[in-house]
Every structure is written in C-alpha cells, then in structure tokens.
C-alpha atoms as a PDB file:
ATOM      1  CA  MET A   1     -33.580  22.320 -24.608  1.00  0.00           C
ATOM      2  CA  THR A   2     -29.829  22.390 -24.869  1.00  0.00           C
ATOM      3  CA  VAL A   3     -27.906  25.214 -23.496  1.00  0.00           C
ATOM      4  CA  THR A   4     -24.249  25.743 -24.920  1.00  0.00           C
ATOM      5  CA  THR A   5     -21.303  28.301 -23.698  1.00  0.00           C
ATOM      6  CA  ASP A   6     -17.971  29.044 -25.218  1.00  0.00           C
ATOM      7  CA  ARG A   7     -16.311  29.169 -21.755  1.00  0.00           C
ATOM      8  CA  THR A   8     -12.860  28.052 -22.138  1.00  0.00           C
ATOM      9  CA  ALA A   9     -11.979  28.180 -18.435  1.00  0.00           C
ATOM     10  CA  PRO A  10     -10.611  24.942 -16.827  1.00  0.00           C
ATOM     11  CA  PRO A  11     -12.354  23.866 -13.836  1.00  0.00           C
ATOM     12  CA  VAL A  12     -11.042  25.111 -10.520  1.00  0.00           C
ATOM     13  CA  PRO A  13      -9.620  21.723  -9.504  1.00  0.00           C
ATOM     14  CA  ALA A  14      -7.616  21.774 -12.960  1.00  0.00           C
ATOM     15  CA  LEU A  15      -6.293  25.032 -12.094  1.00  0.00           C
ATOM     16  CA  ARG A  16      -5.187  23.869  -8.743  1.00  0.00           C
ATOM     17  CA  GLU A  17      -3.065  21.343 -10.313  1.00  0.00           C
ATOM     18  CA  LEU A  18      -1.038  24.162 -12.187  1.00  0.00           C
ATOM     19  CA  ILE A  19       1.570  23.404  -9.344  1.00  0.00           C
ATOM     20  CA  SER A  20       2.169  20.341  -7.632  1.00  0.00           C
ATOM     21  CA  PRO A  21       0.433  19.277  -4.317  1.00  0.00           C
ATOM     22  CA  GLU A  22       3.719  19.758  -2.659  1.00  0.00           C
ATOM     23  CA  LEU A  23       4.252  23.168  -3.719  1.00  0.00           C
ATOM     24  CA  PHE A  24       0.503  23.889  -3.244  1.00  0.00           C
ATOM     25  CA  ASP A  25       0.621  22.959   0.310  1.00  0.00           C
ATOM     26  CA  ARG A  26       3.849  24.716   1.372  1.00  0.00           C
ATOM     27  CA  VAL A  27       2.670  28.147  -0.406  1.00  0.00           C
ATOM     28  CA  ALA A  28      -0.480  27.741   1.267  1.00  0.00           C
ATOM     29  CA  SER A  29       0.579  26.934   4.601  1.00  0.00           C
ATOM     30  CA  ARG A  30       3.130  30.021   4.730  1.00  0.00           C
ATOM     31  CA  ALA A  31       0.211  32.498   3.769  1.00  0.00           C
ATOM     32  CA  ALA A  32      -1.756  31.031   6.308  1.00  0.00           C
ATOM     33  CA  VAL A  33       0.833  31.202   8.981  1.00  0.00           C
ATOM     34  CA  GLU A  34       2.565  34.648   7.973  1.00  0.00           C
ATOM     35  CA  HIS A  35      -1.042  36.267   7.208  1.00  0.00           C
ATOM     36  CA  SER A  36      -3.042  34.769  10.124  1.00  0.00           C
ATOM     37  CA  MET A  37      -5.654  33.167   7.917  1.00  0.00           C
ATOM     38  CA  PRO A  38      -7.079  29.761   8.505  1.00  0.00           C
ATOM     39  CA  ALA A  39      -5.658  27.328   6.606  1.00  0.00           C
ATOM     40  CA  GLU A  40      -8.903  26.577   4.318  1.00  0.00           C
ATOM     41  CA  MET A  41      -9.112  30.236   3.622  1.00  0.00           C
ATOM     42  CA  ALA A  42      -5.221  30.228   2.411  1.00  0.00           C
ATOM     43  CA  GLU A  43      -5.991  27.193   0.088  1.00  0.00           C
ATOM     44  CA  ARG A  44      -8.788  28.857  -1.410  1.00  0.00           C
ATOM     45  CA  SER A  45      -6.714  32.071  -1.881  1.00  0.00           C
ATOM     46  CA  LEU A  46      -3.920  30.270  -3.779  1.00  0.00           C
ATOM     47  CA  THR A  47      -6.425  28.745  -6.008  1.00  0.00           C
ATOM     48  CA  GLN A  48      -7.870  32.125  -6.937  1.00  0.00           C
ATOM     49  CA  SER A  49      -4.108  33.381  -7.376  1.00  0.00           C
ATOM     50  CA  LEU A  50      -3.765  30.395  -9.824  1.00  0.00           C
ATOM     51  CA  THR A  51      -7.149  31.312 -11.746  1.00  0.00           C
ATOM     52  CA  MET A  52      -6.103  34.897 -11.820  1.00  0.00           C
ATOM     53  CA  LEU A  53      -2.641  33.803 -13.420  1.00  0.00           C
ATOM     54  CA  HIS A  54      -4.397  31.358 -15.884  1.00  0.00           C
ATOM     55  CA  ALA A  55      -6.471  34.129 -17.078  1.00  0.00           C
ATOM     56  CA  ILE A  56      -4.008  36.610 -17.805  1.00  0.00           C
ATOM     57  CA  ALA A  57      -1.593  34.332 -19.634  1.00  0.00           C
ATOM     58  CA  THR A  58      -4.371  32.663 -21.531  1.00  0.00           C
ATOM     59  CA  HIS A  59      -6.397  35.870 -22.366  1.00  0.00           C
ATOM     60  CA  ARG A  60      -3.697  38.440 -23.706  1.00  0.00           C
ATOM     61  CA  GLY A  61      -4.653  42.055 -22.644  1.00  0.00           C
ATOM     62  CA  THR A  62      -6.455  41.174 -19.497  1.00  0.00           C
ATOM     63  CA  THR A  63      -5.226  42.802 -16.500  1.00  0.00           C
ATOM     64  CA  ILE A  64      -6.273  41.289 -12.921  1.00  0.00           C
ATOM     65  CA  TYR A  65      -6.008  43.162  -9.719  1.00  0.00           C
ATOM     66  CA  PRO A  66      -6.685  41.046  -6.935  1.00  0.00           C
ATOM     67  CA  PRO A  67      -7.933  41.676  -3.348  1.00  0.00           C
ATOM     68  CA  ARG A  68      -5.303  41.788  -0.659  1.00  0.00           C
ATOM     69  CA  VAL A  69      -6.675  38.332   0.485  1.00  0.00           C
ATOM     70  CA  ILE A  70      -5.572  36.798  -2.975  1.00  0.00           C
ATOM     71  CA  ASP A  71      -2.442  39.133  -3.656  1.00  0.00           C
ATOM     72  CA  VAL A  72      -0.794  37.702  -0.506  1.00  0.00           C
ATOM     73  CA  THR A  73      -1.002  34.113  -1.817  1.00  0.00           C
ATOM     74  CA  TRP A  74       0.107  35.230  -5.244  1.00  0.00           C
ATOM     75  CA  HIS A  75       3.239  36.799  -3.144  1.00  0.00           C
ATOM     76  CA  MET A  76       3.916  33.613  -1.353  1.00  0.00           C
ATOM     77  CA  LEU A  77       4.172  31.708  -4.563  1.00  0.00           C
ATOM     78  CA  ILE A  78       6.290  34.332  -5.985  1.00  0.00           C
ATOM     79  CA  LEU A  79       8.614  33.816  -3.309  1.00  0.00           C
ATOM     80  CA  HIS A  80       9.349  29.947  -4.926  1.00  0.00           C
ATOM     81  CA  THR A  81      11.223  31.437  -7.549  1.00  0.00           C
ATOM     82  CA  ALA A  82      11.995  28.582  -9.880  1.00  0.00           C
ATOM     83  CA  ASP A  83       8.765  27.030  -9.631  1.00  0.00           C
ATOM     84  CA  TYR A  84       7.031  30.320 -10.047  1.00  0.00           C
ATOM     85  CA  ILE A  85       9.202  31.061 -13.274  1.00  0.00           C
ATOM     86  CA  ALA A  86       8.299  27.418 -14.463  1.00  0.00           C
ATOM     87  CA  LEU A  87       4.619  28.212 -13.998  1.00  0.00           C
ATOM     88  CA  CYS A  88       4.737  31.348 -15.958  1.00  0.00           C
ATOM     89  CA  ASP A  89       6.971  29.841 -18.756  1.00  0.00           C
ATOM     90  CA  ARG A  90       4.280  27.021 -19.077  1.00  0.00           C
ATOM     91  CA  LEU A  91       1.316  29.439 -18.976  1.00  0.00           C
ATOM     92  CA  ALA A  92       2.510  32.442 -20.946  1.00  0.00           C
ATOM     93  CA  GLY A  93       5.961  31.728 -22.038  1.00  0.00           C
ATOM     94  CA  HIS A  94       7.483  34.499 -19.896  1.00  0.00           C
ATOM     95  CA  TYR A  95       7.643  35.536 -16.321  1.00  0.00           C
ATOM     96  CA  LEU A  96       4.281  37.171 -15.270  1.00  0.00           C
ATOM     97  CA  HIS A  97       5.353  40.245 -13.404  1.00  0.00           C
ATOM     98  CA  HIS A  98       3.827  41.693 -10.357  1.00  0.00           C
ATOM     99  CA  THR A  99       3.202  45.538 -10.354  1.00  0.00           C
ATOM    100  CA  PRO A 100       2.748  47.281  -6.988  1.00  0.00           C
ATOM    101  CA  ALA A 101       0.113  50.238  -7.001  1.00  0.00           C
ATOM    102  CA  ASP A 102       1.614  52.149  -4.082  1.00  0.00           C
ATOM    103  CA  GLY A 103      -1.200  54.218  -2.577  1.00  0.00           C
ATOM    104  CA  ALA A 104      -4.166  53.064  -4.717  1.00  0.00           C
ATOM    105  CA  THR A 105      -7.364  54.537  -3.548  1.00  0.00           C
ATOM    106  CA  ASP A 106      -9.931  53.309  -6.125  1.00  0.00           C
ATOM    107  CA  GLY A 107     -12.314  52.122  -3.527  1.00  0.00           C
ATOM    108  CA  GLY A 108     -12.010  48.461  -4.816  1.00  0.00           C
ATOM    109  CA  ALA A 109     -13.557  49.280  -8.358  1.00  0.00           C
ATOM    110  CA  ASN A 110     -10.663  47.557 -10.143  1.00  0.00           C
ATOM    111  CA  VAL A 111     -11.020  44.328  -7.630  1.00  0.00           C
ATOM    112  CA  ARG A 112     -15.048  44.343  -8.679  1.00  0.00           C
ATOM    113  CA  ALA A 113     -13.865  44.637 -12.405  1.00  0.00           C
ATOM    114  CA  SER A 114     -11.192  42.050 -12.166  1.00  0.00           C
ATOM    115  CA  ALA A 115     -14.077  39.797 -10.579  1.00  0.00           C
ATOM    116  CA  ALA A 116     -16.454  40.372 -13.414  1.00  0.00           C
ATOM    117  CA  ALA A 117     -14.002  40.175 -15.998  1.00  0.00           C
ATOM    118  CA  LEU A 118     -12.873  36.422 -14.654  1.00  0.00           C
ATOM    119  CA  ARG A 119     -16.648  35.377 -14.857  1.00  0.00           C
ATOM    120  CA  ASP A 120     -16.948  36.797 -18.267  1.00  0.00           C
ATOM    121  CA  LEU A 121     -14.277  34.866 -19.427  1.00  0.00           C
ATOM    122  CA  GLY A 122     -15.822  31.782 -17.767  1.00  0.00           C
ATOM    123  CA  TYR A 123     -13.536  31.184 -14.639  1.00  0.00           C
ATOM    124  CA  GLU A 124     -15.436  30.286 -11.333  1.00  0.00           C
ATOM    125  CA  ILE A 125     -14.377  32.721  -8.715  1.00  0.00           C
ATOM    126  CA  ASP A 126     -14.600  32.556  -4.817  1.00  0.00           C
ATOM    127  CA  GLU A 127     -17.176  35.154  -4.740  1.00  0.00           C
ATOM    128  CA  GLU A 128     -16.466  35.751  -0.691  1.00  0.00           C
ATOM    129  CA  LEU A 129     -12.541  35.995  -1.349  1.00  0.00           C
ATOM    130  CA  TRP A 130     -13.292  38.457  -4.204  1.00  0.00           C
ATOM    131  CA  ALA A 131     -15.781  40.726  -2.343  1.00  0.00           C
ATOM    132  CA  MET A 132     -13.038  41.178   0.350  1.00  0.00           C
ATOM    133  CA  ILE A 133     -11.828  44.700  -0.988  1.00  0.00           C
ATOM    134  CA  GLU A 134     -11.681  46.444   2.312  1.00  0.00           C
ATOM    135  CA  ALA A 135      -7.847  46.368   1.933  1.00  0.00           C
ATOM    136  CA  THR A 136      -7.023  47.369  -1.509  1.00  0.00           C
ATOM    137  CA  ASN A 137      -5.856  50.658  -0.422  1.00  0.00           C
ATOM    138  CA  CYS A 138      -3.028  49.631   1.654  1.00  0.00           C
ATOM    139  CA  GLU A 139       0.298  50.633   1.523  1.00  0.00           C
ATOM    140  CA  ASN A 140       1.230  47.820  -0.616  1.00  0.00           C
ATOM    141  CA  ALA A 141      -1.647  47.239  -2.744  1.00  0.00           C
ATOM    142  CA  CYS A 142      -1.108  45.922  -6.110  1.00  0.00           C
ATOM    143  CA  GLY A 143      -1.332  47.329  -9.536  1.00  0.00           C
ATOM    144  CA  GLY A 144      -2.542  43.913 -11.040  1.00  0.00           C
ATOM    145  CA  CYS A 145      -1.100  41.137 -12.919  1.00  0.00           C
ATOM    146  CA  ASP A 146      -0.875  41.284 -16.830  1.00  0.00           C
ATOM    147  CA  ASN A 147       0.728  39.237 -19.692  1.00  0.00           C
ATOM    148  CA  LYS A 148       2.831  42.320 -21.109  1.00  0.00           C
ATOM    149  CA  VAL A 149       6.512  41.643 -21.425  1.00  0.00           C
ATOM    150  CA  PRO A 150       8.444  44.712 -20.030  1.00  0.00           C
ATOM    151  CA  SER A 151      10.408  46.765 -22.501  1.00  0.00           C
END
C-alpha cells in the first residue's frame, strides 16, 4: 500500500538553513541569555520562528500567533535588521511585519489554532513549545505574523 500526501513544507533542517549557521547561533545564544532559557530550547524556538515565517510567506492569507517562547526568538531575529529584511525578501518579497496585540486575553486559542494550521500545512512543529501557551496573555503578546503588505 502506498500513502501519498501533498505536504509542501520543507523538513525542519531545511527551514533551519533559511539563515546562516552563524546568524542562527547568534540569535539563539542571545535569546537564551536574555530570556533565561536553555540553549537547546532557544535553538528549537528559533527553528519554530523560521517555520512560522516560512509558512506565512509561502501560504498567503495565513496568520500565525506564536507562543511567547517562540515569539522571543522572532524578536531576536528581527533585531538583526539587515539579515531579517533579506530573509523576508527571499521568502515573501517584502518585509514580514510583527504586530503586537497589547492585552491579548484569548486564553491561548490563537496559539492552538496556529499550531493546528501549521500541522495542516504539513509543517513539523515542536509540540512542547507550541503547548507553552501560559504567557500569551502577557503585556507584549503578539498579534501574529502574516503576509500582508501595510497600506
């Protein structure tokens, strides 16, 4: 019996390679230090940030709401402005904006829906990180990432 799928998502190692190994290490190291997370968790988180960015760039109309543990590595990546702009241009043809959702109180519904959307699109997600929804109601929760160009 042969099973076929139309999953279009690249495997996680390929997504990790969207940025140079040197940039990956710098971003993950900074996230680990500034957010007191183990280095291995910061690396997994950054890989998931890249997964999220690839998904919204590749699948127009998709909005992803990351849990805080993934959002912080996205923030660290954005701080490397030239590299982030180049990544966005390569993936989407334009800058992928970050939209804060101050005071968001959805109880994690958007994060759970985002994880499900990534799975449905064929992406391999880090279930442990996407289950960390306890901080989605923080003072700087993010409104998500999408492929819209601001007017």
